PDB file of N, CA and C in Angstrom:
ATOM      1  N   MET A   1      -9.406   3.572  26.473  1.00  0.00           N
ATOM      2  CA  MET A   1      -8.541   4.578  27.105  1.00  0.00           C
ATOM      3  C   MET A   1      -9.162   5.951  26.907  1.00  0.00           C
ATOM      4  N   PRO A   2      -9.302   6.725  27.984  1.00  0.00           N
ATOM      5  CA  PRO A   2      -9.904   8.041  27.896  1.00  0.00           C
ATOM      6  C   PRO A   2      -8.980   8.981  27.071  1.00  0.00           C
ATOM      7  N   ASN A   3      -9.619   9.950  26.421  1.00  0.00           N
ATOM      8  CA  ASN A   3      -8.858  10.938  25.641  1.00  0.00           C
ATOM      9  C   ASN A   3      -8.026  11.760  26.619  1.00  0.00           C
ATOM     10  N   THR A   4      -6.842  12.128  26.220  1.00  0.00           N
ATOM     11  CA  THR A   4      -5.954  12.925  26.986  1.00  0.00           C
ATOM     12  C   THR A   4      -6.076  14.377  26.564  1.00  0.00           C
ATOM     13  N   ARG A   5      -5.483  15.232  27.377  1.00  0.00           N
ATOM     14  CA  ARG A   5      -5.539  16.647  27.146  1.00  0.00           C
ATOM     15  C   ARG A   5      -4.921  17.043  25.781  1.00  0.00           C
ATOM     16  N   MET A   6      -5.508  17.979  25.078  1.00  0.00           N
ATOM     17  CA  MET A   6      -4.969  18.415  23.796  1.00  0.00           C
ATOM     18  C   MET A   6      -3.987  19.570  24.012  1.00  0.00           C
ATOM     19  N   THR A   7      -2.688  19.243  24.031  1.00  0.00           N
ATOM     20  CA  THR A   7      -1.660  20.247  24.222  1.00  0.00           C
ATOM     21  C   THR A   7      -1.304  20.929  22.891  1.00  0.00           C
ATOM     22  N   VAL A   8      -0.586  22.008  22.979  1.00  0.00           N
ATOM     23  CA  VAL A   8      -0.148  22.716  21.778  1.00  0.00           C
ATOM     24  C   VAL A   8       0.710  21.773  20.916  1.00  0.00           C
ATOM     25  N   GLN A   9       1.609  21.048  21.588  1.00  0.00           N
ATOM     26  CA  GLN A   9       2.464  20.098  20.838  1.00  0.00           C
ATOM     27  C   GLN A   9       1.638  19.053  20.062  1.00  0.00           C
ATOM     28  N   LYS A  10       0.653  18.488  20.744  1.00  0.00           N
ATOM     29  CA  LYS A  10      -0.188  17.464  20.137  1.00  0.00           C
ATOM     30  C   LYS A  10      -0.975  18.076  18.983  1.00  0.00           C
ATOM     31  N   LEU A  11      -1.481  19.230  19.184  1.00  0.00           N
ATOM     32  CA  LEU A  11      -2.260  19.924  18.149  1.00  0.00           C
ATOM     33  C   LEU A  11      -1.378  20.188  16.892  1.00  0.00           C
ATOM     34  N   LYS A  12      -0.179  20.646  17.120  1.00  0.00           N
ATOM     35  CA  LYS A  12       0.736  20.908  15.971  1.00  0.00           C
ATOM     36  C   LYS A  12       1.095  19.629  15.215  1.00  0.00           C
ATOM     37  N   ILE A  13       1.267  18.545  15.988  1.00  0.00           N
ATOM     38  CA  ILE A  13       1.578  17.227  15.340  1.00  0.00           C
ATOM     39  C   ILE A  13       0.420  16.768  14.488  1.00  0.00           C
ATOM     40  N   ILE A  14      -0.793  16.891  15.016  1.00  0.00           N
ATOM     41  CA  ILE A  14      -1.998  16.487  14.236  1.00  0.00           C
ATOM     42  C   ILE A  14      -2.128  17.392  12.993  1.00  0.00           C
ATOM     43  N   GLN A  15      -1.954  18.712  13.173  1.00  0.00           N
ATOM     44  CA  GLN A  15      -2.072  19.605  12.062  1.00  0.00           C
ATOM     45  C   GLN A  15      -1.063  19.240  10.956  1.00  0.00           C
ATOM     46  N   HIS A  16       0.134  18.938  11.356  1.00  0.00           N
ATOM     47  CA  HIS A  16       1.175  18.569  10.371  1.00  0.00           C
ATOM     48  C   HIS A  16       0.727  17.302   9.619  1.00  0.00           C
ATOM     49  N   LEU A  17       0.294  16.295  10.360  1.00  0.00           N
ATOM     50  CA  LEU A  17      -0.089  15.041   9.737  1.00  0.00           C
ATOM     51  C   LEU A  17      -1.289  15.198   8.801  1.00  0.00           C
ATOM     52  N   LYS A  18      -2.231  16.046   9.163  1.00  0.00           N
ATOM     53  CA  LYS A  18      -3.385  16.258   8.304  1.00  0.00           C
ATOM     54  C   LYS A  18      -3.031  17.086   7.085  1.00  0.00           C
ATOM     55  N   GLY A  19      -1.936  17.761   7.108  1.00  0.00           N
ATOM     56  CA  GLY A  19      -1.532  18.627   6.006  1.00  0.00           C
ATOM     57  C   GLY A  19      -0.558  17.990   5.013  1.00  0.00           C
ATOM     58  N   VAL A  20      -0.131  16.758   5.269  1.00  0.00           N
ATOM     59  CA  VAL A  20       0.786  16.055   4.360  1.00  0.00           C
ATOM     60  C   VAL A  20       0.218  14.729   3.940  1.00  0.00           C
ATOM     61  N   ARG A  21       0.694  14.207   2.820  1.00  0.00           N
ATOM     62  CA  ARG A  21       0.264  12.859   2.336  1.00  0.00           C
ATOM     63  C   ARG A  21       1.467  11.955   2.205  1.00  0.00           C
ATOM     64  N   THR A  22       2.539  12.268   2.942  1.00  0.00           N
ATOM     65  CA  THR A  22       3.801  11.540   2.796  1.00  0.00           C
ATOM     66  C   THR A  22       4.052  10.405   3.810  1.00  0.00           C
ATOM     67  N   HIS A  23       3.146  10.254   4.774  1.00  0.00           N
ATOM     68  CA  HIS A  23       3.320   9.223   5.813  1.00  0.00           C
ATOM     69  C   HIS A  23       4.667   9.347   6.480  1.00  0.00           C
ATOM     70  N   PRO A  24       4.938  10.472   7.156  1.00  0.00           N
ATOM     71  CA  PRO A  24       6.230  10.690   7.709  1.00  0.00           C
ATOM     72  C   PRO A  24       6.565   9.852   8.942  1.00  0.00           C
ATOM     73  N   THR A  25       7.872   9.751   9.223  1.00  0.00           N
ATOM     74  CA  THR A  25       8.352   9.087  10.412  1.00  0.00           C
ATOM     75  C   THR A  25       8.259  10.128  11.578  1.00  0.00           C
ATOM     76  N   ALA A  26       8.491   9.678  12.802  1.00  0.00           N
ATOM     77  CA  ALA A  26       8.489  10.599  13.937  1.00  0.00           C
ATOM     78  C   ALA A  26       9.582  11.650  13.787  1.00  0.00           C
ATOM     79  N   GLU A  27      10.727  11.249  13.248  1.00  0.00           N
ATOM     80  CA  GLU A  27      11.850  12.188  13.042  1.00  0.00           C
ATOM     81  C   GLU A  27      11.458  13.280  12.059  1.00  0.00           C
ATOM     82  N   MET A  28      10.756  12.896  10.992  1.00  0.00           N
ATOM     83  CA  MET A  28      10.313  13.884   9.984  1.00  0.00           C
ATOM     84  C   MET A  28       9.328  14.867  10.616  1.00  0.00           C
ATOM     85  N   ILE A  29       8.398  14.335  11.407  1.00  0.00           N
ATOM     86  CA  ILE A  29       7.415  15.148  12.076  1.00  0.00           C
ATOM     87  C   ILE A  29       8.112  16.125  13.047  1.00  0.00           C
ATOM     88  N   TYR A  30       9.062  15.555  13.768  1.00  0.00           N
ATOM     89  CA  TYR A  30       9.823  16.402  14.706  1.00  0.00           C
ATOM     90  C   TYR A  30      10.492  17.584  14.017  1.00  0.00           C
ATOM     91  N   ALA A  31      11.136  17.297  12.882  1.00  0.00           N
ATOM     92  CA  ALA A  31      11.805  18.383  12.149  1.00  0.00           C
ATOM     93  C   ALA A  31      10.827  19.462  11.658  1.00  0.00           C
ATOM     94  N   ALA A  32       9.633  19.065  11.245  1.00  0.00           N
ATOM     95  CA  ALA A  32       8.645  19.992  10.792  1.00  0.00           C
ATOM     96  C   ALA A  32       8.059  20.778  11.926  1.00  0.00           C
ATOM     97  N   VAL A  33       7.670  20.131  13.032  1.00  0.00           N
ATOM     98  CA  VAL A  33       7.033  20.803  14.149  1.00  0.00           C
ATOM     99  C   VAL A  33       8.036  21.709  14.914  1.00  0.00           C
ATOM    100  N   LYS A  34       9.276  21.300  14.911  1.00  0.00           N
ATOM    101  CA  LYS A  34      10.328  22.079  15.581  1.00  0.00           C
ATOM    102  C   LYS A  34      10.441  23.475  15.031  1.00  0.00           C
ATOM    103  N   LYS A  35      10.078  23.676  13.780  1.00  0.00           N
ATOM    104  CA  LYS A  35      10.092  25.023  13.148  1.00  0.00           C
ATOM    105  C   LYS A  35       9.096  25.907  13.806  1.00  0.00           C
ATOM    106  N   GLU A  36       8.006  25.364  14.282  1.00  0.00           N
ATOM    107  CA  GLU A  36       6.964  26.193  14.961  1.00  0.00           C
ATOM    108  C   GLU A  36       7.131  26.206  16.474  1.00  0.00           C
ATOM    109  N   ILE A  37       7.623  25.081  17.023  1.00  0.00           N
ATOM    110  CA  ILE A  37       7.840  24.983  18.477  1.00  0.00           C
ATOM    111  C   ILE A  37       9.275  24.587  18.706  1.00  0.00           C
ATOM    112  N   PRO A  38      10.205  25.553  18.714  1.00  0.00           N
ATOM    113  CA  PRO A  38      11.630  25.224  18.787  1.00  0.00           C
ATOM    114  C   PRO A  38      12.036  24.424  20.033  1.00  0.00           C
ATOM    115  N   THR A  39      11.256  24.501  21.139  1.00  0.00           N
ATOM    116  CA  THR A  39      11.591  23.844  22.342  1.00  0.00           C
ATOM    117  C   THR A  39      11.080  22.406  22.406  1.00  0.00           C
ATOM    118  N   ILE A  40      10.364  21.937  21.389  1.00  0.00           N
ATOM    119  CA  ILE A  40       9.839  20.570  21.432  1.00  0.00           C
ATOM    120  C   ILE A  40      10.949  19.574  21.312  1.00  0.00           C
ATOM    121  N   SER A  41      10.843  18.438  22.002  1.00  0.00           N
ATOM    122  CA  SER A  41      11.882  17.377  21.922  1.00  0.00           C
ATOM    123  C   SER A  41      11.371  16.232  21.111  1.00  0.00           C
ATOM    124  N   LEU A  42      12.273  15.433  20.582  1.00  0.00           N
ATOM    125  CA  LEU A  42      11.942  14.245  19.853  1.00  0.00           C
ATOM    126  C   LEU A  42      11.148  13.275  20.705  1.00  0.00           C
ATOM    127  N   ALA A  43      11.514  13.195  22.008  1.00  0.00           N
ATOM    128  CA  ALA A  43      10.786  12.328  22.939  1.00  0.00           C
ATOM    129  C   ALA A  43       9.321  12.744  23.074  1.00  0.00           C
ATOM    130  N   THR A  44       9.104  14.041  23.087  1.00  0.00           N
ATOM    131  CA  THR A  44       7.720  14.525  23.149  1.00  0.00           C
ATOM    132  C   THR A  44       6.921  14.190  21.938  1.00  0.00           C
ATOM    133  N   VAL A  45       7.582  14.276  20.776  1.00  0.00           N
ATOM    134  CA  VAL A  45       6.897  13.875  19.498  1.00  0.00           C
ATOM    135  C   VAL A  45       6.556  12.408  19.552  1.00  0.00           C
ATOM    136  N   TYR A  46       7.494  11.543  19.952  1.00  0.00           N
ATOM    137  CA  TYR A  46       7.233  10.117  20.021  1.00  0.00           C
ATOM    138  C   TYR A  46       6.111   9.830  21.027  1.00  0.00           C
ATOM    139  N   ARG A  47       6.149  10.424  22.158  1.00  0.00           N
ATOM    140  CA  ARG A  47       5.118  10.167  23.210  1.00  0.00           C
ATOM    141  C   ARG A  47       3.741  10.562  22.687  1.00  0.00           C
ATOM    142  N   ASN A  48       3.672  11.759  22.072  1.00  0.00           N
ATOM    143  CA  ASN A  48       2.380  12.215  21.539  1.00  0.00           C
ATOM    144  C   ASN A  48       1.883  11.380  20.372  1.00  0.00           C
ATOM    145  N   LEU A  49       2.749  10.954  19.479  1.00  0.00           N
ATOM    146  CA  LEU A  49       2.354  10.106  18.374  1.00  0.00           C
ATOM    147  C   LEU A  49       1.799   8.785  18.873  1.00  0.00           C
ATOM    148  N   ASN A  50       2.490   8.196  19.874  1.00  0.00           N
ATOM    149  CA  ASN A  50       1.989   6.914  20.428  1.00  0.00           C
ATOM    150  C   ASN A  50       0.626   7.133  21.095  1.00  0.00           C
ATOM    151  N   GLN A  51       0.460   8.192  21.840  1.00  0.00           N
ATOM    152  CA  GLN A  51      -0.846   8.526  22.482  1.00  0.00           C
ATOM    153  C   GLN A  51      -1.915   8.695  21.451  1.00  0.00           C
ATOM    154  N   LEU A  52      -1.638   9.497  20.419  1.00  0.00           N
ATOM    155  CA  LEU A  52      -2.624   9.750  19.369  1.00  0.00           C
ATOM    156  C   LEU A  52      -2.991   8.485  18.619  1.00  0.00           C
ATOM    157  N   SER A  53      -2.036   7.608  18.458  1.00  0.00           N
ATOM    158  CA  SER A  53      -2.269   6.333  17.814  1.00  0.00           C
ATOM    159  C   SER A  53      -3.192   5.449  18.646  1.00  0.00           C
ATOM    160  N   ARG A  54      -2.872   5.335  19.894  1.00  0.00           N
ATOM    161  CA  ARG A  54      -3.697   4.548  20.839  1.00  0.00           C
ATOM    162  C   ARG A  54      -5.114   5.101  20.903  1.00  0.00           C
ATOM    163  N   GLU A  55      -5.275   6.395  20.826  1.00  0.00           N
ATOM    164  CA  GLU A  55      -6.605   7.035  20.870  1.00  0.00           C
ATOM    165  C   GLU A  55      -7.339   6.937  19.529  1.00  0.00           C
ATOM    166  N   GLY A  56      -6.666   6.471  18.500  1.00  0.00           N
ATOM    167  CA  GLY A  56      -7.320   6.340  17.177  1.00  0.00           C
ATOM    168  C   GLY A  56      -7.386   7.684  16.419  1.00  0.00           C
ATOM    169  N   LYS A  57      -6.559   8.676  16.802  1.00  0.00           N
ATOM    170  CA  LYS A  57      -6.610   9.978  16.130  1.00  0.00           C
ATOM    171  C   LYS A  57      -5.641  10.004  14.949  1.00  0.00           C
ATOM    172  N   VAL A  58      -4.651   9.125  14.903  1.00  0.00           N
ATOM    173  CA  VAL A  58      -3.723   8.984  13.804  1.00  0.00           C
ATOM    174  C   VAL A  58      -3.483   7.507  13.557  1.00  0.00           C
ATOM    175  N   LEU A  59      -3.084   7.123  12.361  1.00  0.00           N
ATOM    176  CA  LEU A  59      -2.713   5.779  12.068  1.00  0.00           C
ATOM    177  C   LEU A  59      -1.224   5.628  12.231  1.00  0.00           C
ATOM    178  N   LYS A  60      -0.808   4.503  12.825  1.00  0.00           N
ATOM    179  CA  LYS A  60       0.609   4.180  12.977  1.00  0.00           C
ATOM    180  C   LYS A  60       0.836   2.925  12.168  1.00  0.00           C
ATOM    181  N   LEU A  61       1.636   3.077  11.124  1.00  0.00           N
ATOM    182  CA  LEU A  61       1.878   1.982  10.150  1.00  0.00           C
ATOM    183  C   LEU A  61       3.327   1.525  10.280  1.00  0.00           C
ATOM    184  N   GLU A  62       3.537   0.196  10.431  1.00  0.00           N
ATOM    185  CA  GLU A  62       4.884  -0.282  10.410  1.00  0.00           C
ATOM    186  C   GLU A  62       5.174  -0.756   9.014  1.00  0.00           C
ATOM    187  N   ILE A  63       6.089  -0.066   8.323  1.00  0.00           N
ATOM    188  CA  ILE A  63       6.437  -0.316   6.936  1.00  0.00           C
ATOM    189  C   ILE A  63       7.911  -0.397   6.763  1.00  0.00           C
ATOM    190  N   ASN A  64       8.335  -1.530   6.240  1.00  0.00           N
ATOM    191  CA  ASN A  64       9.760  -1.773   6.015  1.00  0.00           C
ATOM    192  C   ASN A  64      10.606  -1.558   7.275  1.00  0.00           C
ATOM    193  N   GLY A  65      10.077  -1.981   8.419  1.00  0.00           N
ATOM    194  CA  GLY A  65      10.832  -1.941   9.681  1.00  0.00           C
ATOM    195  C   GLY A  65      10.814  -0.603  10.370  1.00  0.00           C
ATOM    196  N   GLU A  66      10.035   0.354   9.871  1.00  0.00           N
ATOM    197  CA  GLU A  66       9.999   1.668  10.576  1.00  0.00           C
ATOM    198  C   GLU A  66       8.558   2.106  10.680  1.00  0.00           C
ATOM    199  N   PHE A  67       8.258   2.907  11.711  1.00  0.00           N
ATOM    200  CA  PHE A  67       6.911   3.402  11.898  1.00  0.00           C
ATOM    201  C   PHE A  67       6.685   4.657  11.077  1.00  0.00           C
ATOM    202  N   ARG A  68       5.566   4.724  10.387  1.00  0.00           N
ATOM    203  CA  ARG A  68       5.131   5.869   9.631  1.00  0.00           C
ATOM    204  C   ARG A  68       3.736   6.267  10.185  1.00  0.00           C
ATOM    205  N   PHE A  69       3.399   7.502  10.033  1.00  0.00           N
ATOM    206  CA  PHE A  69       2.171   8.002  10.634  1.00  0.00           C
ATOM    207  C   PHE A  69       1.297   8.650   9.519  1.00  0.00           C
ATOM    208  N   ASP A  70      -0.036   8.523   9.723  1.00  0.00           N
ATOM    209  CA  ASP A  70      -1.018   9.003   8.729  1.00  0.00           C
ATOM    210  C   ASP A  70      -2.080   9.734   9.520  1.00  0.00           C
ATOM    211  N   GLY A  71      -2.335  10.989   9.124  1.00  0.00           N
ATOM    212  CA  GLY A  71      -3.403  11.768   9.776  1.00  0.00           C
ATOM    213  C   GLY A  71      -4.767  11.458   9.255  1.00  0.00           C
ATOM    214  N   ASP A  72      -4.883  10.698   8.178  1.00  0.00           N
ATOM    215  CA  ASP A  72      -6.164  10.346   7.607  1.00  0.00           C
ATOM    216  C   ASP A  72      -6.565   8.996   8.213  1.00  0.00           C
ATOM    217  N   ILE A  73      -7.526   8.993   9.090  1.00  0.00           N
ATOM    218  CA  ILE A  73      -7.918   7.746   9.779  1.00  0.00           C
ATOM    219  C   ILE A  73      -9.138   7.059   9.169  1.00  0.00           C
ATOM    220  N   CYS A  74      -9.650   7.611   8.051  1.00  0.00           N
ATOM    221  CA  CYS A  74     -10.798   6.976   7.412  1.00  0.00           C
ATOM    222  C   CYS A  74     -10.340   5.676   6.797  1.00  0.00           C
ATOM    223  N   ASN A  75     -11.316   4.799   6.494  1.00  0.00           N
ATOM    224  CA  ASN A  75     -10.986   3.528   5.837  1.00  0.00           C
ATOM    225  C   ASN A  75     -10.376   3.782   4.456  1.00  0.00           C
ATOM    226  N   HIS A  76      -9.123   3.396   4.338  1.00  0.00           N
ATOM    227  CA  HIS A  76      -8.424   3.441   3.057  1.00  0.00           C
ATOM    228  C   HIS A  76      -7.271   2.451   3.110  1.00  0.00           C
ATOM    229  N   GLN A  77      -6.707   2.206   1.946  1.00  0.00           N
ATOM    230  CA  GLN A  77      -5.618   1.266   1.861  1.00  0.00           C
ATOM    231  C   GLN A  77      -4.337   2.017   1.535  1.00  0.00           C
ATOM    232  N   HIS A  78      -3.232   1.313   1.636  1.00  0.00           N
ATOM    233  CA  HIS A  78      -1.921   1.876   1.330  1.00  0.00           C
ATOM    234  C   HIS A  78      -1.196   0.981   0.330  1.00  0.00           C
ATOM    235  N   PHE A  79      -0.490   1.629  -0.593  1.00  0.00           N
ATOM    236  CA  PHE A  79       0.400   0.935  -1.526  1.00  0.00           C
ATOM    237  C   PHE A  79       1.816   1.362  -1.202  1.00  0.00           C
ATOM    238  N   VAL A  80       2.689   0.354  -1.017  1.00  0.00           N
ATOM    239  CA  VAL A  80       4.069   0.586  -0.697  1.00  0.00           C
ATOM    240  C   VAL A  80       4.916   0.101  -1.864  1.00  0.00           C
ATOM    241  N   CYS A  81       5.726   1.007  -2.398  1.00  0.00           N
ATOM    242  CA  CYS A  81       6.645   0.642  -3.519  1.00  0.00           C
ATOM    243  C   CYS A  81       7.834  -0.162  -2.919  1.00  0.00           C
ATOM    244  N   THR A  82       8.059  -1.349  -3.450  1.00  0.00           N
ATOM    245  CA  THR A  82       9.144  -2.182  -2.988  1.00  0.00           C
ATOM    246  C   THR A  82      10.489  -1.690  -3.413  1.00  0.00           C
ATOM    247  N   ASP A  83      10.551  -0.756  -4.377  1.00  0.00           N
ATOM    248  CA  ASP A  83      11.861  -0.189  -4.805  1.00  0.00           C
ATOM    249  C   ASP A  83      12.211   1.089  -4.090  1.00  0.00           C
ATOM    250  N   CYS A  84      11.343   2.084  -4.171  1.00  0.00           N
ATOM    251  CA  CYS A  84      11.697   3.416  -3.576  1.00  0.00           C
ATOM    252  C   CYS A  84      11.114   3.620  -2.174  1.00  0.00           C
ATOM    253  N   GLY A  85      10.177   2.786  -1.755  1.00  0.00           N
ATOM    254  CA  GLY A  85       9.582   2.882  -0.407  1.00  0.00           C
ATOM    255  C   GLY A  85       8.463   3.865  -0.305  1.00  0.00           C
ATOM    256  N   ARG A  86       8.079   4.531  -1.410  1.00  0.00           N
ATOM    257  CA  ARG A  86       7.012   5.491  -1.360  1.00  0.00           C
ATOM    258  C   ARG A  86       5.694   4.892  -0.904  1.00  0.00           C
ATOM    259  N   ILE A  87       4.897   5.602  -0.150  1.00  0.00           N
ATOM    260  CA  ILE A  87       3.634   5.112   0.334  1.00  0.00           C
ATOM    261  C   ILE A  87       2.534   5.941  -0.287  1.00  0.00           C
ATOM    262  N   ILE A  88       1.558   5.350  -0.887  1.00  0.00           N
ATOM    263  CA  ILE A  88       0.487   6.034  -1.588  1.00  0.00           C
ATOM    264  C   ILE A  88      -0.812   5.607  -0.984  1.00  0.00           C
ATOM    265  N   ASP A  89      -1.732   6.567  -0.667  1.00  0.00           N
ATOM    266  CA  ASP A  89      -3.066   6.274  -0.222  1.00  0.00           C
ATOM    267  C   ASP A  89      -3.949   5.814  -1.384  1.00  0.00           C
ATOM    268  N   ILE A  90      -4.761   4.823  -1.093  1.00  0.00           N
ATOM    269  CA  ILE A  90      -5.753   4.363  -2.068  1.00  0.00           C
ATOM    270  C   ILE A  90      -7.100   4.398  -1.378  1.00  0.00           C
ATOM    271  N   PHE A  91      -8.056   5.141  -1.974  1.00  0.00           N
ATOM    272  CA  PHE A  91      -9.354   5.291  -1.367  1.00  0.00           C
ATOM    273  C   PHE A  91     -10.390   4.470  -2.152  1.00  0.00           C
ATOM    274  N   GLN A  92     -10.510   3.205  -1.693  1.00  0.00           N
ATOM    275  CA  GLN A  92     -11.514   2.322  -2.247  1.00  0.00           C
ATOM    276  C   GLN A  92     -12.306   1.740  -1.079  1.00  0.00           C
ATOM    277  N   GLU A  93     -13.274   2.474  -0.641  1.00  0.00           N
ATOM    278  CA  GLU A  93     -14.086   2.134   0.531  1.00  0.00           C
ATOM    279  C   GLU A  93     -14.657   0.749   0.422  1.00  0.00           C
ATOM    280  N   GLU A  94     -15.027   0.302  -0.791  1.00  0.00           N
ATOM    281  CA  GLU A  94     -15.662  -0.993  -0.989  1.00  0.00           C
ATOM    282  C   GLU A  94     -14.700  -2.124  -0.624  1.00  0.00           C
ATOM    283  N   ILE A  95     -13.398  -1.934  -0.770  1.00  0.00           N
ATOM    284  CA  ILE A  95     -12.433  -2.971  -0.400  1.00  0.00           C
ATOM    285  C   ILE A  95     -12.432  -3.133   1.102  1.00  0.00           C
ATOM    286  N   SER A  96     -12.353  -2.015   1.871  1.00  0.00           N
ATOM    287  CA  SER A  96     -12.355  -2.111   3.310  1.00  0.00           C
ATOM    288  C   SER A  96     -13.691  -2.710   3.809  1.00  0.00           C
ATOM    289  N   ALA A  97     -14.804  -2.223   3.244  1.00  0.00           N
ATOM    290  CA  ALA A  97     -16.139  -2.703   3.631  1.00  0.00           C
ATOM    291  C   ALA A  97     -16.229  -4.216   3.420  1.00  0.00           C
ATOM    292  N   TYR A  98     -15.772  -4.674   2.286  1.00  0.00           N
ATOM    293  CA  TYR A  98     -15.852  -6.099   1.918  1.00  0.00           C
ATOM    294  C   TYR A  98     -14.985  -6.894   2.918  1.00  0.00           C
ATOM    295  N   ALA A  99     -13.784  -6.475   3.230  1.00  0.00           N
ATOM    296  CA  ALA A  99     -12.902  -7.194   4.153  1.00  0.00           C
ATOM    297  C   ALA A  99     -13.545  -7.297   5.547  1.00  0.00           C
ATOM    298  N   LEU A 100     -14.120  -6.227   5.965  1.00  0.00           N
ATOM    299  CA  LEU A 100     -14.783  -6.252   7.298  1.00  0.00           C
ATOM    300  C   LEU A 100     -15.994  -7.143   7.310  1.00  0.00           C
ATOM    301  N   LYS A 101     -16.774  -7.086   6.257  1.00  0.00           N
ATOM    302  CA  LYS A 101     -17.993  -7.897   6.189  1.00  0.00           C
ATOM    303  C   LYS A 101     -17.705  -9.388   6.102  1.00  0.00           C
ATOM    304  N   LYS A 102     -16.662  -9.771   5.364  1.00  0.00           N
ATOM    305  CA  LYS A 102     -16.348 -11.187   5.113  1.00  0.00           C
ATOM    306  C   LYS A 102     -15.545 -11.842   6.188  1.00  0.00           C
ATOM    307  N   LEU A 103     -14.973 -11.080   7.114  1.00  0.00           N
ATOM    308  CA  LEU A 103     -14.141 -11.693   8.153  1.00  0.00           C
ATOM    309  C   LEU A 103     -15.026 -12.541   9.074  1.00  0.00           C
ATOM    310  N   LYS A 104     -14.617 -13.746   9.291  1.00  0.00           N
ATOM    311  CA  LYS A 104     -15.326 -14.642  10.198  1.00  0.00           C
ATOM    312  C   LYS A 104     -14.313 -15.056  11.321  1.00  0.00           C
ATOM    313  N   ALA A 105     -14.517 -14.473  12.481  1.00  0.00           N
ATOM    314  CA  ALA A 105     -13.683 -14.827  13.622  1.00  0.00           C
ATOM    315  C   ALA A 105     -14.561 -14.882  14.850  1.00  0.00           C
ATOM    316  N   LYS A 106     -14.669 -16.074  15.404  1.00  0.00           N
ATOM    317  CA  LYS A 106     -15.532 -16.308  16.556  1.00  0.00           C
ATOM    318  C   LYS A 106     -15.127 -15.425  17.748  1.00  0.00           C
ATOM    319  N   GLY A 107     -16.088 -14.710  18.316  1.00  0.00           N
ATOM    320  CA  GLY A 107     -15.854 -13.896  19.471  1.00  0.00           C
ATOM    321  C   GLY A 107     -15.096 -12.613  19.184  1.00  0.00           C
ATOM    322  N   PHE A 108     -15.153 -12.179  17.922  1.00  0.00           N
ATOM    323  CA  PHE A 108     -14.386 -11.004  17.523  1.00  0.00           C
ATOM    324  C   PHE A 108     -15.206 -10.184  16.563  1.00  0.00           C
ATOM    325  N   ARG A 109     -15.357  -8.891  16.750  1.00  0.00           N
ATOM    326  CA  ARG A 109     -16.094  -8.018  15.863  1.00  0.00           C
ATOM    327  C   ARG A 109     -15.172  -6.853  15.440  1.00  0.00           C
ATOM    328  N   PRO A 110     -14.628  -6.904  14.238  1.00  0.00           N
ATOM    329  CA  PRO A 110     -13.712  -5.837  13.840  1.00  0.00           C
ATOM    330  C   PRO A 110     -14.424  -4.510  13.527  1.00  0.00           C
ATOM    331  N   SER A 111     -13.721  -3.417  13.742  1.00  0.00           N
ATOM    332  CA  SER A 111     -14.304  -2.098  13.465  1.00  0.00           C
ATOM    333  C   SER A 111     -13.504  -1.359  12.346  1.00  0.00           C
ATOM    334  N   CYS A 112     -12.301  -1.842  12.105  1.00  0.00           N
ATOM    335  CA  CYS A 112     -11.521  -1.219  10.996  1.00  0.00           C
ATOM    336  C   CYS A 112     -10.567  -2.269  10.484  1.00  0.00           C
ATOM    337  N   VAL A 113     -10.026  -1.981   9.329  1.00  0.00           N
ATOM    338  CA  VAL A 113      -9.074  -2.888   8.661  1.00  0.00           C
ATOM    339  C   VAL A 113      -7.953  -2.017   8.003  1.00  0.00           C
ATOM    340  N   HIS A 114      -6.772  -2.528   8.056  1.00  0.00           N
ATOM    341  CA  HIS A 114      -5.650  -1.840   7.440  1.00  0.00           C
ATOM    342  C   HIS A 114      -5.091  -2.778   6.355  1.00  0.00           C
ATOM    343  N   ILE A 115      -5.150  -2.337   5.125  1.00  0.00           N
ATOM    344  CA  ILE A 115      -4.667  -3.136   4.027  1.00  0.00           C
ATOM    345  C   ILE A 115      -3.481  -2.451   3.405  1.00  0.00           C
ATOM    346  N   ILE A 116      -2.372  -3.218   3.218  1.00  0.00           N
ATOM    347  CA  ILE A 116      -1.201  -2.678   2.593  1.00  0.00           C
ATOM    348  C   ILE A 116      -0.832  -3.540   1.398  1.00  0.00           C
ATOM    349  N   TYR A 117      -0.807  -2.878   0.251  1.00  0.00           N
ATOM    350  CA  TYR A 117      -0.377  -3.575  -0.994  1.00  0.00           C
ATOM    351  C   TYR A 117       1.092  -3.260  -1.203  1.00  0.00           C
ATOM    352  N   ARG A 118       1.804  -4.210  -1.737  1.00  0.00           N
ATOM    353  CA  ARG A 118       3.231  -3.978  -2.084  1.00  0.00           C
ATOM    354  C   ARG A 118       3.472  -4.294  -3.559  1.00  0.00           C
ATOM    355  N   GLY A 119       4.301  -3.506  -4.151  1.00  0.00           N
ATOM    356  CA  GLY A 119       4.637  -3.684  -5.589  1.00  0.00           C
ATOM    357  C   GLY A 119       5.488  -2.485  -6.037  1.00  0.00           C
ATOM    358  N   LYS A 120       5.544  -2.271  -7.312  1.00  0.00           N
ATOM    359  CA  LYS A 120       6.322  -1.174  -7.839  1.00  0.00           C
ATOM    360  C   LYS A 120       5.436  -0.047  -8.297  1.00  0.00           C
ATOM    361  N   CYS A 121       5.773   1.160  -7.911  1.00  0.00           N
ATOM    362  CA  CYS A 121       5.023   2.363  -8.340  1.00  0.00           C
ATOM    363  C   CYS A 121       5.364   2.648  -9.819  1.00  0.00           C
ATOM    364  N   ASP A 122       4.585   3.533 -10.416  1.00  0.00           N
ATOM    365  CA  ASP A 122       4.808   3.898 -11.813  1.00  0.00           C
ATOM    366  C   ASP A 122       6.166   4.500 -12.027  1.00  0.00           C
ATOM    367  N   ARG A 123       6.657   5.314 -11.094  1.00  0.00           N
ATOM    368  CA  ARG A 123       7.979   5.898 -11.265  1.00  0.00           C
ATOM    369  C   ARG A 123       9.094   4.858 -11.343  1.00  0.00           C
ATOM    370  N   CYS A 124       8.971   3.816 -10.538  1.00  0.00           N
ATOM    371  CA  CYS A 124      10.030   2.793 -10.524  1.00  0.00           C
ATOM    372  C   CYS A 124       9.881   1.766 -11.648  1.00  0.00           C
ATOM    373  N   ARG A 125       8.666   1.634 -12.126  1.00  0.00           N
ATOM    374  CA  ARG A 125       8.427   0.679 -13.206  1.00  0.00           C
ATOM    375  C   ARG A 125       8.936   1.203 -14.541  1.00  0.00           C
ATOM    376  N   GLY A 126       9.023   2.530 -14.624  1.00  0.00           N
ATOM    377  CA  GLY A 126       9.486   2.925 -15.859  1.00  0.00           C
ATOM    378  C   GLY A 126       9.517   4.161 -16.509  1.00  0.00           C
TER     379      GLY A 126
END
């Protein structure tokens, strides 16, 4: 899919995602971007997030039945706390590299991998 035009709305959405590590929902992004662009609609945020995701400019993660977005598209893993739902980035390039190297699927050549670990974070454990 060819890249689409970089609008002010799209730029503000990307800037917000690159500035946070919280993996926000579309509604959270909407609330933040609306402070800078009061006329933006939730539908515009959804449309732009879906476009950016298809273009590979942001990650769209489905976690616990809702979509979360990540502005960091480099190979990394995510840890999701099964108690509080917090999402934490884990940067262990060797894990992603190993998963890509070891995958054997006839007629398929992967370019990226998304790994999500689930368990309890330190806050919830104790």
